[in-house]
C-alpha atoms as a PDB file:
ATOM      1  CA  UNK A   1      26.450 -56.938 -51.007  1.00  0.00           C
ATOM      2  CA  UNK A   2      27.081 -60.399 -49.721  1.00  0.00           C
ATOM      3  CA  UNK A   3      30.655 -61.249 -48.844  1.00  0.00           C
ATOM      4  CA  UNK A   4      32.431 -64.042 -50.695  1.00  0.00           C
ATOM      5  CA  UNK A   5      33.170 -67.024 -48.428  1.00  0.00           C
ATOM      6  CA  UNK A   6      36.111 -69.213 -49.276  1.00  0.00           C
ATOM      7  CA  UNK A   7      36.739 -72.676 -47.968  1.00  0.00           C
ATOM      8  CA  UNK A   8      40.517 -72.934 -48.217  1.00  0.00           C
ATOM      9  CA  UNK A   9      41.937 -76.434 -47.561  1.00  0.00           C
ATOM     10  CA  UNK A  10      45.196 -78.510 -47.986  1.00  0.00           C
ATOM     11  CA  UNK A  11      44.776 -82.037 -49.336  1.00  0.00           C
ATOM     12  CA  UNK A  12      46.646 -85.148 -50.305  1.00  0.00           C
ATOM     13  CA  UNK A  13      45.676 -86.597 -53.642  1.00  0.00           C
ATOM     14  CA  UNK A  14      43.386 -89.063 -51.903  1.00  0.00           C
ATOM     15  CA  UNK A  15      41.370 -86.425 -50.087  1.00  0.00           C
ATOM     16  CA  UNK A  16      42.947 -86.295 -46.639  1.00  0.00           C
ATOM     17  CA  UNK A  17      43.406 -82.934 -44.831  1.00  0.00           C
ATOM     18  CA  UNK A  18      46.192 -84.106 -42.515  1.00  0.00           C
ATOM     19  CA  UNK A  19      48.274 -87.304 -41.840  1.00  0.00           C
ATOM     20  CA  UNK A  20      49.549 -89.252 -38.867  1.00  0.00           C
ATOM     21  CA  UNK A  21      52.789 -90.263 -40.564  1.00  0.00           C
ATOM     22  CA  UNK A  22      56.339 -88.721 -40.630  1.00  0.00           C
ATOM     23  CA  UNK A  23      55.739 -86.562 -43.615  1.00  0.00           C
ATOM     24  CA  UNK A  24      56.077 -83.265 -41.777  1.00  0.00           C
ATOM     25  CA  UNK A  25      54.004 -80.148 -42.313  1.00  0.00           C
ATOM     26  CA  UNK A  26      52.819 -79.569 -45.797  1.00  0.00           C
ATOM     27  CA  UNK A  27      53.692 -83.214 -46.330  1.00  0.00           C
ATOM     28  CA  UNK A  28      57.221 -82.021 -46.789  1.00  0.00           C
ATOM     29  CA  UNK A  29      56.422 -80.579 -50.182  1.00  0.00           C
ATOM     30  CA  UNK A  30      56.480 -76.772 -49.462  1.00  0.00           C
ATOM     31  CA  UNK A  31      58.605 -74.553 -51.611  1.00  0.00           C
ATOM     32  CA  UNK A  32      59.185 -70.856 -52.047  1.00  0.00           C
ATOM     33  CA  UNK A  33      56.288 -70.403 -54.594  1.00  0.00           C
ATOM     34  CA  UNK A  34      53.749 -72.014 -52.262  1.00  0.00           C
ATOM     35  CA  UNK A  35      54.905 -69.908 -49.409  1.00  0.00           C
ATOM     36  CA  UNK A  36      54.868 -66.790 -51.458  1.00  0.00           C
ATOM     37  CA  UNK A  37      51.322 -67.526 -52.750  1.00  0.00           C
ATOM     38  CA  UNK A  38      50.048 -68.221 -49.294  1.00  0.00           C
ATOM     39  CA  UNK A  39      51.413 -65.011 -47.861  1.00  0.00           C
ATOM     40  CA  UNK A  40      49.947 -62.972 -50.854  1.00  0.00           C
ATOM     41  CA  UNK A  41      46.520 -64.702 -50.348  1.00  0.00           C
ATOM     42  CA  UNK A  42      46.638 -63.765 -46.531  1.00  0.00           C
ATOM     43  CA  UNK A  43      47.756 -60.166 -47.110  1.00  0.00           C
ATOM     44  CA  UNK A  44      44.413 -59.433 -48.512  1.00  0.00           C
ATOM     45  CA  UNK A  45      41.907 -57.858 -45.966  1.00  0.00           C
ATOM     46  CA  UNK A  46      39.433 -60.629 -44.933  1.00  0.00           C
ATOM     47  CA  UNK A  47      37.934 -62.203 -41.886  1.00  0.00           C
ATOM     48  CA  UNK A  48      38.858 -65.736 -40.730  1.00  0.00           C
ATOM     49  CA  UNK A  49      36.075 -68.178 -39.805  1.00  0.00           C
ATOM     50  CA  UNK A  50      36.928 -71.218 -37.740  1.00  0.00           C
ATOM     51  CA  UNK A  51      35.130 -74.062 -35.994  1.00  0.00           C
ATOM     52  CA  UNK A  52      36.254 -74.718 -32.189  1.00  0.00           C
ATOM     53  CA  UNK A  53      38.335 -77.656 -33.114  1.00  0.00           C
ATOM     54  CA  UNK A  54      40.307 -75.890 -35.885  1.00  0.00           C
ATOM     55  CA  UNK A  55      40.738 -72.877 -33.646  1.00  0.00           C
ATOM     56  CA  UNK A  56      42.112 -74.922 -30.767  1.00  0.00           C
ATOM     57  CA  UNK A  57      44.501 -76.725 -33.232  1.00  0.00           C
ATOM     58  CA  UNK A  58      45.799 -73.525 -34.559  1.00  0.00           C
ATOM     59  CA  UNK A  59      46.218 -71.928 -31.205  1.00  0.00           C
ATOM     60  CA  UNK A  60      48.064 -74.916 -29.763  1.00  0.00           C
ATOM     61  CA  UNK A  61      50.257 -75.189 -32.790  1.00  0.00           C
ATOM     62  CA  UNK A  62      51.312 -71.599 -32.499  1.00  0.00           C
ATOM     63  CA  UNK A  63      51.869 -71.595 -28.803  1.00  0.00           C
ATOM     64  CA  UNK A  64      54.211 -74.725 -29.156  1.00  0.00           C
ATOM     65  CA  UNK A  65      56.081 -73.286 -32.134  1.00  0.00           C
ATOM     66  CA  UNK A  66      59.284 -71.280 -32.415  1.00  0.00           C
ATOM     67  CA  UNK A  67      59.971 -68.245 -34.670  1.00  0.00           C
ATOM     68  CA  UNK A  68      61.865 -70.571 -37.049  1.00  0.00           C
ATOM     69  CA  UNK A  69      59.417 -73.373 -37.324  1.00  0.00           C
ATOM     70  CA  UNK A  70      57.112 -73.916 -40.298  1.00  0.00           C
ATOM     71  CA  UNK A  71      54.180 -73.261 -38.005  1.00  0.00           C
ATOM     72  CA  UNK A  72      55.248 -69.598 -38.143  1.00  0.00           C
ATOM     73  CA  UNK A  73      55.693 -69.361 -41.728  1.00  0.00           C
ATOM     74  CA  UNK A  74      54.984 -65.643 -42.810  1.00  0.00           C
ATOM     75  CA  UNK A  75      51.558 -66.689 -44.106  1.00  0.00           C
ATOM     76  CA  UNK A  76      50.501 -68.210 -40.789  1.00  0.00           C
ATOM     77  CA  UNK A  77      51.637 -65.257 -38.853  1.00  0.00           C
ATOM     78  CA  UNK A  78      49.614 -62.960 -41.181  1.00  0.00           C
ATOM     79  CA  UNK A  79      46.483 -65.324 -40.832  1.00  0.00           C
ATOM     80  CA  UNK A  80      46.759 -64.835 -36.962  1.00  0.00           C
ATOM     81  CA  UNK A  81      46.811 -60.998 -37.483  1.00  0.00           C
ATOM     82  CA  UNK A  82      43.568 -61.117 -39.391  1.00  0.00           C
ATOM     83  CA  UNK A  83      40.159 -60.768 -37.456  1.00  0.00           C
ATOM     84  CA  UNK A  84      38.614 -64.087 -36.725  1.00  0.00           C
ATOM     85  CA  UNK A  85      35.179 -65.384 -35.801  1.00  0.00           C
ATOM     86  CA  UNK A  86      35.308 -68.742 -34.070  1.00  0.00           C
ATOM     87  CA  UNK A  87      31.863 -70.475 -34.207  1.00  0.00           C
ATOM     88  CA  UNK A  88      31.490 -72.488 -31.005  1.00  0.00           C
ATOM     89  CA  UNK A  89      29.069 -73.534 -28.307  1.00  0.00           C
ATOM     90  CA  UNK A  90      31.876 -74.919 -26.016  1.00  0.00           C
ATOM     91  CA  UNK A  91      34.581 -72.077 -26.218  1.00  0.00           C
ATOM     92  CA  UNK A  92      34.468 -68.708 -24.361  1.00  0.00           C
ATOM     93  CA  UNK A  93      36.447 -65.546 -24.749  1.00  0.00           C
ATOM     94  CA  UNK A  94      38.852 -64.072 -24.510  1.00  0.00           C
ATOM     95  CA  UNK A  95      40.584 -65.962 -27.242  1.00  0.00           C
ATOM     96  CA  UNK A  96      44.380 -66.431 -27.794  1.00  0.00           C
ATOM     97  CA  UNK A  97      43.998 -64.491 -31.140  1.00  0.00           C
ATOM     98  CA  UNK A  98      44.543 -60.871 -31.326  1.00  0.00           C
ATOM     99  CA  UNK A  99      41.269 -59.926 -32.936  1.00  0.00           C
ATOM    100  CA  UNK A 100      39.184 -63.023 -32.315  1.00  0.00           C
ATOM    101  CA  UNK A 101      35.642 -63.381 -31.146  1.00  0.00           C
ATOM    102  CA  UNK A 102      33.523 -66.454 -30.296  1.00  0.00           C
ATOM    103  CA  UNK A 103      29.974 -66.641 -31.576  1.00  0.00           C
ATOM    104  CA  UNK A 104      27.688 -69.349 -30.411  1.00  0.00           C
ATOM    105  CA  UNK A 105      24.715 -70.573 -32.267  1.00  0.00           C
ATOM    106  CA  UNK A 106      23.941 -72.459 -35.439  1.00  0.00           C
ATOM    107  CA  UNK A 107      26.971 -72.292 -37.724  1.00  0.00           C
ATOM    108  CA  UNK A 108      24.801 -71.899 -40.792  1.00  0.00           C
ATOM    109  CA  UNK A 109      22.828 -68.971 -39.212  1.00  0.00           C
ATOM    110  CA  UNK A 110      25.969 -67.362 -37.777  1.00  0.00           C
ATOM    111  CA  UNK A 111      27.877 -67.518 -41.273  1.00  0.00           C
ATOM    112  CA  UNK A 112      24.801 -66.453 -43.163  1.00  0.00           C
ATOM    113  CA  UNK A 113      24.639 -63.394 -41.022  1.00  0.00           C
ATOM    114  CA  UNK A 114      28.475 -62.708 -41.374  1.00  0.00           C
ATOM    115  CA  UNK A 115      28.088 -62.895 -45.238  1.00  0.00           C
ATOM    116  CA  UNK A 116      25.456 -60.311 -45.091  1.00  0.00           C
ATOM    117  CA  UNK A 117      27.215 -58.004 -42.595  1.00  0.00           C
ATOM    118  CA  UNK A 118      30.949 -58.310 -43.506  1.00  0.00           C
ATOM    119  CA  UNK A 119      32.558 -55.717 -45.616  1.00  0.00           C
ATOM    120  CA  UNK A 120      35.447 -57.935 -46.342  1.00  0.00           C
ATOM    121  CA  UNK A 121      35.724 -61.482 -47.772  1.00  0.00           C
ATOM    122  CA  UNK A 122      35.386 -64.458 -45.371  1.00  0.00           C
ATOM    123  CA  UNK A 123      37.953 -67.267 -45.507  1.00  0.00           C
ATOM    124  CA  UNK A 124      38.200 -70.547 -43.526  1.00  0.00           C
ATOM    125  CA  UNK A 125      41.332 -72.567 -43.400  1.00  0.00           C
ATOM    126  CA  UNK A 126      40.447 -76.059 -42.238  1.00  0.00           C
ATOM    127  CA  UNK A 127      37.307 -76.415 -40.124  1.00  0.00           C
ATOM    128  CA  UNK A 128      36.381 -79.463 -42.123  1.00  0.00           C
ATOM    129  CA  UNK A 129      32.983 -80.311 -40.406  1.00  0.00           C
ATOM    130  CA  UNK A 130      31.895 -76.528 -40.266  1.00  0.00           C
ATOM    131  CA  UNK A 131      32.630 -76.138 -43.940  1.00  0.00           C
ATOM    132  CA  UNK A 132      30.787 -79.333 -45.039  1.00  0.00           C
ATOM    133  CA  UNK A 133      27.681 -77.936 -43.353  1.00  0.00           C
ATOM    134  CA  UNK A 134      28.201 -74.504 -44.927  1.00  0.00           C
ATOM    135  CA  UNK A 135      28.600 -76.190 -48.291  1.00  0.00           C
ATOM    136  CA  UNK A 136      25.421 -78.319 -47.789  1.00  0.00           C
ATOM    137  CA  UNK A 137      23.616 -74.953 -46.953  1.00  0.00           C
ATOM    138  CA  UNK A 138      24.972 -73.167 -50.126  1.00  0.00           C
ATOM    139  CA  UNK A 139      26.980 -70.631 -48.216  1.00  0.00           C
ATOM    140  CA  UNK A 140      30.395 -71.567 -49.617  1.00  0.00           C
ATOM    141  CA  UNK A 141      31.282 -69.471 -52.806  1.00  0.00           C
ATOM    142  CA  UNK A 142      34.729 -70.775 -53.414  1.00  0.00           C
ATOM    143  CA  UNK A 143      36.579 -74.141 -52.470  1.00  0.00           C
ATOM    144  CA  UNK A 144      40.210 -73.522 -52.736  1.00  0.00           C
ATOM    145  CA  UNK A 145      42.109 -76.799 -52.624  1.00  0.00           C
ATOM    146  CA  UNK A 146      45.938 -76.810 -52.309  1.00  0.00           C
ATOM    147  CA  UNK A 147      46.610 -80.364 -53.621  1.00  0.00           C
ATOM    148  CA  UNK A 148      49.999 -81.744 -52.354  1.00  0.00           C
ATOM    149  CA  UNK A 149      51.606 -84.573 -54.582  1.00  0.00           C
ATOM    150  CA  UNK A 150      51.231 -87.418 -52.086  1.00  0.00           C
ATOM    151  CA  UNK A 151      48.796 -90.372 -51.361  1.00  0.00           C
ATOM    152  CA  UNK A 152      48.280 -91.024 -47.666  1.00  0.00           C
ATOM    153  CA  UNK A 153      46.489 -94.285 -47.931  1.00  0.00           C
ATOM    154  CA  UNK A 154      48.001 -95.699 -44.676  1.00  0.00           C
ATOM    155  CA  UNK A 155      48.557 -92.452 -42.720  1.00  0.00           C
ATOM    156  CA  UNK A 156      45.805 -90.058 -43.943  1.00  0.00           C
ATOM    157  CA  UNK A 157      43.626 -88.399 -41.379  1.00  0.00           C
ATOM    158  CA  UNK A 158      40.663 -86.121 -41.646  1.00  0.00           C
ATOM    159  CA  UNK A 159      38.924 -86.977 -44.930  1.00  0.00           C
ATOM    160  CA  UNK A 160      37.929 -83.602 -46.247  1.00  0.00           C
ATOM    161  CA  UNK A 161      34.592 -84.376 -47.930  1.00  0.00           C
ATOM    162  CA  UNK A 162      33.566 -87.543 -45.948  1.00  0.00           C
ATOM    163  CA  UNK A 163      29.805 -87.415 -45.646  1.00  0.00           C
ATOM    164  CA  UNK A 164      29.318 -84.316 -47.507  1.00  0.00           C
ATOM    165  CA  UNK A 165      26.579 -84.068 -50.265  1.00  0.00           C
ATOM    166  CA  UNK A 166      27.485 -84.251 -53.899  1.00  0.00           C
ATOM    167  CA  UNK A 167      28.670 -81.132 -55.681  1.00  0.00           C
ATOM    168  CA  UNK A 168      29.483 -80.010 -59.190  1.00  0.00           C
ATOM    169  CA  UNK A 169      32.585 -77.919 -59.362  1.00  0.00           C
ATOM    170  CA  UNK A 170      33.256 -75.098 -61.776  1.00  0.00           C
ATOM    171  CA  UNK A 171      36.998 -74.441 -62.107  1.00  0.00           C
ATOM    172  CA  UNK A 172      37.706 -70.731 -61.690  1.00  0.00           C
ATOM    173  CA  UNK A 173      41.520 -70.777 -61.178  1.00  0.00           C
ATOM    174  CA  UNK A 174      44.358 -73.303 -61.283  1.00  0.00           C
ATOM    175  CA  UNK A 175      48.070 -72.858 -60.917  1.00  0.00           C
ATOM    176  CA  UNK A 176      51.098 -75.171 -60.299  1.00  0.00           C
ATOM    177  CA  UNK A 177      53.473 -74.072 -57.487  1.00  0.00           C
ATOM    178  CA  UNK A 178      57.081 -75.183 -57.134  1.00  0.00           C
ATOM    179  CA  UNK A 179      56.513 -77.517 -60.118  1.00  0.00           C
ATOM    180  CA  UNK A 180      54.372 -80.117 -58.180  1.00  0.00           C
ATOM    181  CA  UNK A 181      51.679 -78.607 -55.979  1.00  0.00           C
ATOM    182  CA  UNK A 182      48.377 -77.736 -57.431  1.00  0.00           C
ATOM    183  CA  UNK A 183      46.225 -74.853 -56.228  1.00  0.00           C
ATOM    184  CA  UNK A 184      42.634 -75.275 -57.552  1.00  0.00           C
ATOM    185  CA  UNK A 185      39.802 -72.800 -56.970  1.00  0.00           C
ATOM    186  CA  UNK A 186      36.261 -74.089 -57.646  1.00  0.00           C
ATOM    187  CA  UNK A 187      32.782 -72.702 -57.441  1.00  0.00           C
ATOM    188  CA  UNK A 188      30.652 -75.382 -55.910  1.00  0.00           C
ATOM    189  CA  UNK A 189      27.118 -76.111 -56.740  1.00  0.00           C
ATOM    190  CA  UNK A 190      24.955 -78.704 -55.091  1.00  0.00           C
ATOM    191  CA  UNK A 191      24.581 -81.712 -57.359  1.00  0.00           C
ATOM    192  CA  UNK A 192      20.694 -82.274 -57.823  1.00  0.00           C
END
């Protein structure tokens, strides 16, 4: 049986995965329902998949954080406890991740093999270019977008789907968290 692969991403309404402004993490919109939902998602057994840049960003962010900072929210701590595969031709182990391994090679081939071999679902939080390539190859089963109620037209960074092919999306689940943040889970199909 093939493992389900979920591309999990945070987004502003205008499609940016990050910002260079003074919004703060989560664009300053996190609330208790969002944090509880994220923790529940990451309590499920799964394997994380990251590209090198996202792994480096997570590792640096966690190393620079304190126990009280939002970088150490319980769901982030739980994510770091999960096994992780980092697809990279530039990194070498050991990683600063308790159960992390580096696999070099073509990302599409690596993830296709992981999907066949893994006994648990696969999830990637971030890793935009990696996930655009995996979507184009038909390897992403779910796109989970947590949509924060902001437009970052001036400060937006990391356009999530820039350069991606066109996809039709089938809505599988939706929920509103804290009265303003949307979680949308889609099944993507390449638009032909």
